Structure formats: structure tokens, C-alpha cells
């Protein structure tokens, strides 16, 4: 079955934008995301099961295209 999220759309609003980039940066900087929507699977852009700077770079590249 198809996933119920858009890859790169961490806040679940249906769009991949700078808000998602900011959320991923907050996550990677160990910030508190308890009051924010954060879809972990959508953030794993390289599909390796980990969230790291590679995912951040892939999202930045996607937003710049």
C-alpha cells in the first residue's frame, strides 16, 4: 500500500516547503518537538531508517530545484 504521507512533508500539510526544512533542523538539533507535528517516516528521505544531515541535504536539494 502507498504511504499516508508525502516524502519530505514532515508537518503533514501536503506540501514540501521551508517549514519542513525547519522542522528537520530542529529535530537534528535535539529541539523539543512535542507541540509540533513531525512525521518521522516522511523525514527519512534516503530511506535508511535514520534521520541525519544526509536527509537534511536531500530536502534542501529538493527545495532548491
PDB file of N, CA and C in Angstrom:
ATOM      1  N   UNK A   1       0.824  -1.214   0.000  1.00  0.00           N
ATOM      2  CA  UNK A   1       0.000   0.000   0.000  1.00  0.00           C
ATOM      3  C   UNK A   1       0.858   1.263   0.000  1.00  0.00           C
ATOM      4  N   UNK A   2       0.310   2.317  -0.520  1.00  0.00           N
ATOM      5  CA  UNK A   2       1.014   3.603  -0.570  1.00  0.00           C
ATOM      6  C   UNK A   2       1.089   4.203   0.835  1.00  0.00           C
ATOM      7  N   UNK A   3       2.185   4.904   1.140  1.00  0.00           N
ATOM      8  CA  UNK A   3       2.284   5.554   2.459  1.00  0.00           C
ATOM      9  C   UNK A   3       1.243   6.660   2.592  1.00  0.00           C
ATOM     10  N   UNK A   4       0.880   6.984   3.816  1.00  0.00           N
ATOM     11  CA  UNK A   4      -0.107   8.036   4.063  1.00  0.00           C
ATOM     12  C   UNK A   4       0.554   9.374   4.363  1.00  0.00           C
ATOM     13  N   UNK A   5       1.709   9.606   3.764  1.00  0.00           N
ATOM     14  CA  UNK A   5       2.427  10.864   3.911  1.00  0.00           C
ATOM     15  C   UNK A   5       3.154  11.164   2.607  1.00  0.00           C
ATOM     16  N   UNK A   6       3.550  12.417   2.436  1.00  0.00           N
ATOM     17  CA  UNK A   6       4.357  12.847   1.296  1.00  0.00           C
ATOM     18  C   UNK A   6       5.801  12.899   1.766  1.00  0.00           C
ATOM     19  N   UNK A   7       6.690  12.238   1.047  1.00  0.00           N
ATOM     20  CA  UNK A   7       8.104  12.231   1.433  1.00  0.00           C
ATOM     21  C   UNK A   7       8.634  13.660   1.484  1.00  0.00           C
ATOM     22  N   UNK A   8       9.178  14.047   2.617  1.00  0.00           N
ATOM     23  CA  UNK A   8       9.692  15.399   2.822  1.00  0.00           C
ATOM     24  C   UNK A   8       8.718  16.322   3.535  1.00  0.00           C
ATOM     25  N   UNK A   9       7.464  15.904   3.647  1.00  0.00           N
ATOM     26  CA  UNK A   9       6.429  16.729   4.285  1.00  0.00           C
ATOM     27  C   UNK A   9       6.284  16.344   5.750  1.00  0.00           C
ATOM     28  N   UNK A  10       7.188  16.838   6.578  1.00  0.00           N
ATOM     29  CA  UNK A  10       7.208  16.447   7.985  1.00  0.00           C
ATOM     30  C   UNK A  10       6.036  16.964   8.793  1.00  0.00           C
ATOM     31  N   UNK A  11       5.453  18.098   8.388  1.00  0.00           N
ATOM     32  CA  UNK A  11       4.346  18.645   9.178  1.00  0.00           C
ATOM     33  C   UNK A  11       2.981  18.152   8.697  1.00  0.00           C
ATOM     34  N   UNK A  12       2.951  17.374   7.615  1.00  0.00           N
ATOM     35  CA  UNK A  12       1.721  16.745   7.161  1.00  0.00           C
ATOM     36  C   UNK A  12       0.702  17.658   6.520  1.00  0.00           C
ATOM     37  N   UNK A  13       1.133  18.803   6.008  1.00  0.00           N
ATOM     38  CA  UNK A  13       0.178  19.721   5.394  1.00  0.00           C
ATOM     39  C   UNK A  13       0.011  19.489   3.892  1.00  0.00           C
ATOM     40  N   UNK A  14       0.678  18.461   3.353  1.00  0.00           N
ATOM     41  CA  UNK A  14       0.544  18.139   1.932  1.00  0.00           C
ATOM     42  C   UNK A  14       1.512  18.858   1.023  1.00  0.00           C
ATOM     43  N   UNK A  15       2.352  19.725   1.592  1.00  0.00           N
ATOM     44  CA  UNK A  15       3.333  20.474   0.803  1.00  0.00           C
ATOM     45  C   UNK A  15       4.718  20.287   1.411  1.00  0.00           C
ATOM     46  N   UNK A  16       5.705  20.216   0.538  1.00  0.00           N
ATOM     47  CA  UNK A  16       7.094  20.173   0.995  1.00  0.00           C
ATOM     48  C   UNK A  16       7.652  21.580   0.825  1.00  0.00           C
ATOM     49  N   UNK A  17       8.005  22.216   1.958  1.00  0.00           N
ATOM     50  CA  UNK A  17       8.463  23.600   1.900  1.00  0.00           C
ATOM     51  C   UNK A  17       9.473  23.874   3.016  1.00  0.00           C
ATOM     52  N   UNK A  18       9.813  25.132   3.180  1.00  0.00           N
ATOM     53  CA  UNK A  18      10.827  25.510   4.175  1.00  0.00           C
ATOM     54  C   UNK A  18      10.403  25.218   5.607  1.00  0.00           C
ATOM     55  N   UNK A  19       9.113  25.124   5.862  1.00  0.00           N
ATOM     56  CA  UNK A  19       8.647  24.750   7.210  1.00  0.00           C
ATOM     57  C   UNK A  19       9.134  23.342   7.544  1.00  0.00           C
ATOM     58  N   UNK A  20       9.072  22.449   6.564  1.00  0.00           N
ATOM     59  CA  UNK A  20       9.556  21.084   6.766  1.00  0.00           C
ATOM     60  C   UNK A  20      11.061  21.068   6.992  1.00  0.00           C
ATOM     61  N   UNK A  21      11.757  21.896   6.265  1.00  0.00           N
ATOM     62  CA  UNK A  21      13.208  22.015   6.438  1.00  0.00           C
ATOM     63  C   UNK A  21      13.524  22.476   7.866  1.00  0.00           C
ATOM     64  N   UNK A  22      12.786  23.449   8.349  1.00  0.00           N
ATOM     65  CA  UNK A  22      12.981  23.944   9.704  1.00  0.00           C
ATOM     66  C   UNK A  22      12.697  22.876  10.752  1.00  0.00           C
ATOM     67  N   UNK A  23      11.647  22.095  10.534  1.00  0.00           N
ATOM     68  CA  UNK A  23      11.321  21.022  11.481  1.00  0.00           C
ATOM     69  C   UNK A  23      12.429  19.980  11.534  1.00  0.00           C
ATOM     70  N   UNK A  24      12.971  19.630  10.377  1.00  0.00           N
ATOM     71  CA  UNK A  24      14.051  18.645  10.361  1.00  0.00           C
ATOM     72  C   UNK A  24      15.292  19.200  11.047  1.00  0.00           C
ATOM     73  N   UNK A  25      15.577  20.482  10.828  1.00  0.00           N
ATOM     74  CA  UNK A  25      16.719  21.100  11.509  1.00  0.00           C
ATOM     75  C   UNK A  25      16.513  21.089  13.021  1.00  0.00           C
ATOM     76  N   UNK A  26      15.302  21.393  13.472  1.00  0.00           N
ATOM     77  CA  UNK A  26      15.006  21.348  14.907  1.00  0.00           C
ATOM     78  C   UNK A  26      15.224  19.940  15.452  1.00  0.00           C
ATOM     79  N   UNK A  27      14.730  18.934  14.734  1.00  0.00           N
ATOM     80  CA  UNK A  27      14.895  17.558  15.176  1.00  0.00           C
ATOM     81  C   UNK A  27      16.373  17.201  15.291  1.00  0.00           C
ATOM     82  N   UNK A  28      17.145  17.537  14.268  1.00  0.00           N
ATOM     83  CA  UNK A  28      18.559  17.183  14.255  1.00  0.00           C
ATOM     84  C   UNK A  28      19.349  17.926  15.334  1.00  0.00           C
ATOM     85  N   UNK A  29      18.823  19.065  15.779  1.00  0.00           N
ATOM     86  CA  UNK A  29      19.466  19.830  16.849  1.00  0.00           C
ATOM     87  C   UNK A  29      18.904  19.481  18.223  1.00  0.00           C
ATOM     88  N   UNK A  30      18.193  18.359  18.312  1.00  0.00           N
ATOM     89  CA  UNK A  30      17.625  17.867  19.570  1.00  0.00           C
ATOM     90  C   UNK A  30      16.684  18.868  20.237  1.00  0.00           C
ATOM     91  N   UNK A  31      15.959  19.627  19.434  1.00  0.00           N
ATOM     92  CA  UNK A  31      14.981  20.567  19.989  1.00  0.00           C
ATOM     93  C   UNK A  31      13.708  19.830  20.370  1.00  0.00           C
ATOM     94  N   UNK A  32      12.932  20.424  21.230  1.00  0.00           N
ATOM     95  CA  UNK A  32      11.674  19.849  21.686  1.00  0.00           C
ATOM     96  C   UNK A  32      10.602  20.027  20.609  1.00  0.00           C
ATOM     97  N   UNK A  33      10.089  18.924  20.089  1.00  0.00           N
ATOM     98  CA  UNK A  33       9.054  18.971  19.059  1.00  0.00           C
ATOM     99  C   UNK A  33       7.707  18.476  19.580  1.00  0.00           C
ATOM    100  N   UNK A  34       7.524  18.423  20.892  1.00  0.00           N
ATOM    101  CA  UNK A  34       6.306  17.839  21.448  1.00  0.00           C
ATOM    102  C   UNK A  34       5.043  18.593  21.053  1.00  0.00           C
ATOM    103  N   UNK A  35       5.131  19.879  20.799  1.00  0.00           N
ATOM    104  CA  UNK A  35       3.941  20.645  20.419  1.00  0.00           C
ATOM    105  C   UNK A  35       3.815  20.800  18.904  1.00  0.00           C
ATOM    106  N   UNK A  36       4.631  20.072  18.139  1.00  0.00           N
ATOM    107  CA  UNK A  36       4.623  20.181  16.687  1.00  0.00           C
ATOM    108  C   UNK A  36       4.341  18.825  16.057  1.00  0.00           C
ATOM    109  N   UNK A  37       3.706  18.837  14.887  1.00  0.00           N
ATOM    110  CA  UNK A  37       3.548  17.609  14.117  1.00  0.00           C
ATOM    111  C   UNK A  37       4.872  17.305  13.443  1.00  0.00           C
ATOM    112  N   UNK A  38       5.341  16.080  13.594  1.00  0.00           N
ATOM    113  CA  UNK A  38       6.581  15.674  12.945  1.00  0.00           C
ATOM    114  C   UNK A  38       6.418  14.232  12.492  1.00  0.00           C
ATOM    115  N   UNK A  39       6.332  14.026  11.189  1.00  0.00           N
ATOM    116  CA  UNK A  39       6.150  12.694  10.621  1.00  0.00           C
ATOM    117  C   UNK A  39       7.531  12.123  10.323  1.00  0.00           C
ATOM    118  N   UNK A  40       7.975  11.237  11.194  1.00  0.00           N
ATOM    119  CA  UNK A  40       9.329  10.691  11.121  1.00  0.00           C
ATOM    120  C   UNK A  40       9.595  10.013   9.785  1.00  0.00           C
ATOM    121  N   UNK A  41       8.667   9.185   9.325  1.00  0.00           N
ATOM    122  CA  UNK A  41       8.877   8.460   8.066  1.00  0.00           C
ATOM    123  C   UNK A  41       9.021   9.411   6.879  1.00  0.00           C
ATOM    124  N   UNK A  42       8.317  10.518   6.906  1.00  0.00           N
ATOM    125  CA  UNK A  42       8.410  11.494   5.818  1.00  0.00           C
ATOM    126  C   UNK A  42       9.761  12.204   5.817  1.00  0.00           C
ATOM    127  N   UNK A  43      10.414  12.224   6.971  1.00  0.00           N
ATOM    128  CA  UNK A  43      11.700  12.918   7.099  1.00  0.00           C
ATOM    129  C   UNK A  43      12.873  12.067   6.635  1.00  0.00           C
ATOM    130  N   UNK A  44      12.682  10.759   6.532  1.00  0.00           N
ATOM    131  CA  UNK A  44      13.763   9.845   6.146  1.00  0.00           C
ATOM    132  C   UNK A  44      13.864   9.795   4.627  1.00  0.00           C
ATOM    133  N   UNK A  45      14.400  10.857   4.046  1.00  0.00           N
ATOM    134  CA  UNK A  45      14.417  10.984   2.596  1.00  0.00           C
ATOM    135  C   UNK A  45      15.295   9.952   1.889  1.00  0.00           C
ATOM    136  N   UNK A  46      16.338   9.491   2.531  1.00  0.00           N
ATOM    137  CA  UNK A  46      17.188   8.488   1.878  1.00  0.00           C
ATOM    138  C   UNK A  46      16.751   7.057   2.197  1.00  0.00           C
ATOM    139  N   UNK A  47      15.748   6.900   3.061  1.00  0.00           N
ATOM    140  CA  UNK A  47      15.163   5.604   3.334  1.00  0.00           C
ATOM    141  C   UNK A  47      16.039   4.625   4.093  1.00  0.00           C
ATOM    142  N   UNK A  48      17.036   5.127   4.834  1.00  0.00           N
ATOM    143  CA  UNK A  48      17.941   4.222   5.544  1.00  0.00           C
ATOM    144  C   UNK A  48      17.511   3.956   6.985  1.00  0.00           C
ATOM    145  N   UNK A  49      16.372   4.496   7.403  1.00  0.00           N
ATOM    146  CA  UNK A  49      15.890   4.252   8.758  1.00  0.00           C
ATOM    147  C   UNK A  49      16.471   5.161   9.820  1.00  0.00           C
ATOM    148  N   UNK A  50      17.295   6.130   9.409  1.00  0.00           N
ATOM    149  CA  UNK A  50      17.896   7.090  10.346  1.00  0.00           C
ATOM    150  C   UNK A  50      17.643   8.504   9.836  1.00  0.00           C
ATOM    151  N   UNK A  51      17.529   9.442  10.763  1.00  0.00           N
ATOM    152  CA  UNK A  51      17.421  10.851  10.379  1.00  0.00           C
ATOM    153  C   UNK A  51      18.747  11.516  10.685  1.00  0.00           C
ATOM    154  N   UNK A  52      19.340  12.111   9.655  1.00  0.00           N
ATOM    155  CA  UNK A  52      20.641  12.744   9.829  1.00  0.00           C
ATOM    156  C   UNK A  52      20.818  13.852   8.801  1.00  0.00           C
ATOM    157  N   UNK A  53      22.029  14.393   8.740  1.00  0.00           N
ATOM    158  CA  UNK A  53      22.303  15.512   7.833  1.00  0.00           C
ATOM    159  C   UNK A  53      22.162  15.136   6.367  1.00  0.00           C
ATOM    160  N   UNK A  54      22.292  13.855   6.040  1.00  0.00           N
ATOM    161  CA  UNK A  54      22.063  13.439   4.652  1.00  0.00           C
ATOM    162  C   UNK A  54      20.614  13.720   4.254  1.00  0.00           C
ATOM    163  N   UNK A  55      19.673  13.414   5.138  1.00  0.00           N
ATOM    164  CA  UNK A  55      18.263  13.701   4.863  1.00  0.00           C
ATOM    165  C   UNK A  55      18.040  15.205   4.721  1.00  0.00           C
ATOM    166  N   UNK A  56      18.699  15.967   5.580  1.00  0.00           N
ATOM    167  CA  UNK A  56      18.592  17.422   5.507  1.00  0.00           C
ATOM    168  C   UNK A  56      19.102  17.931   4.162  1.00  0.00           C
ATOM    169  N   UNK A  57      20.239  17.421   3.718  1.00  0.00           N
ATOM    170  CA  UNK A  57      20.793  17.825   2.427  1.00  0.00           C
ATOM    171  C   UNK A  57      19.884  17.458   1.269  1.00  0.00           C
ATOM    172  N   UNK A  58      19.289  16.274   1.330  1.00  0.00           N
ATOM    173  CA  UNK A  58      18.370  15.855   0.267  1.00  0.00           C
ATOM    174  C   UNK A  58      17.135  16.747   0.224  1.00  0.00           C
ATOM    175  N   UNK A  59      16.638  17.145   1.392  1.00  0.00           N
ATOM    176  CA  UNK A  59      15.489  18.043   1.425  1.00  0.00           C
ATOM    177  C   UNK A  59      15.863  19.419   0.896  1.00  0.00           C
ATOM    178  N   UNK A  60      17.031  19.917   1.275  1.00  0.00           N
ATOM    179  CA  UNK A  60      17.478  21.218   0.747  1.00  0.00           C
ATOM    180  C   UNK A  60      17.600  21.175  -0.766  1.00  0.00           C
ATOM    181  N   UNK A  61      18.157  20.102  -1.284  1.00  0.00           N
ATOM    182  CA  UNK A  61      18.309  19.948  -2.739  1.00  0.00           C
ATOM    183  C   UNK A  61      16.941  19.927  -3.411  1.00  0.00           C
ATOM    184  N   UNK A  62      16.014  19.200  -2.814  1.00  0.00           N
ATOM    185  CA  UNK A  62      14.661  19.127  -3.377  1.00  0.00           C
ATOM    186  C   UNK A  62      13.995  20.487  -3.394  1.00  0.00           C
ATOM    187  N   UNK A  63      14.159  21.262  -2.338  1.00  0.00           N
ATOM    188  CA  UNK A  63      13.549  22.588  -2.282  1.00  0.00           C
ATOM    189  C   UNK A  63      14.197  23.580  -3.237  1.00  0.00           C
ATOM    190  N   UNK A  64      15.468  23.363  -3.558  1.00  0.00           N
ATOM    191  CA  UNK A  64      16.174  24.273  -4.456  1.00  0.00           C
ATOM    192  C   UNK A  64      15.935  23.979  -5.927  1.00  0.00           C
ATOM    193  N   UNK A  65      15.306  22.864  -6.224  1.00  0.00           N
ATOM    194  CA  UNK A  65      15.026  22.517  -7.635  1.00  0.00           C
ATOM    195  C   UNK A  65      13.702  23.042  -8.085  1.00  0.00           C
TER     196      UNK A  65
END
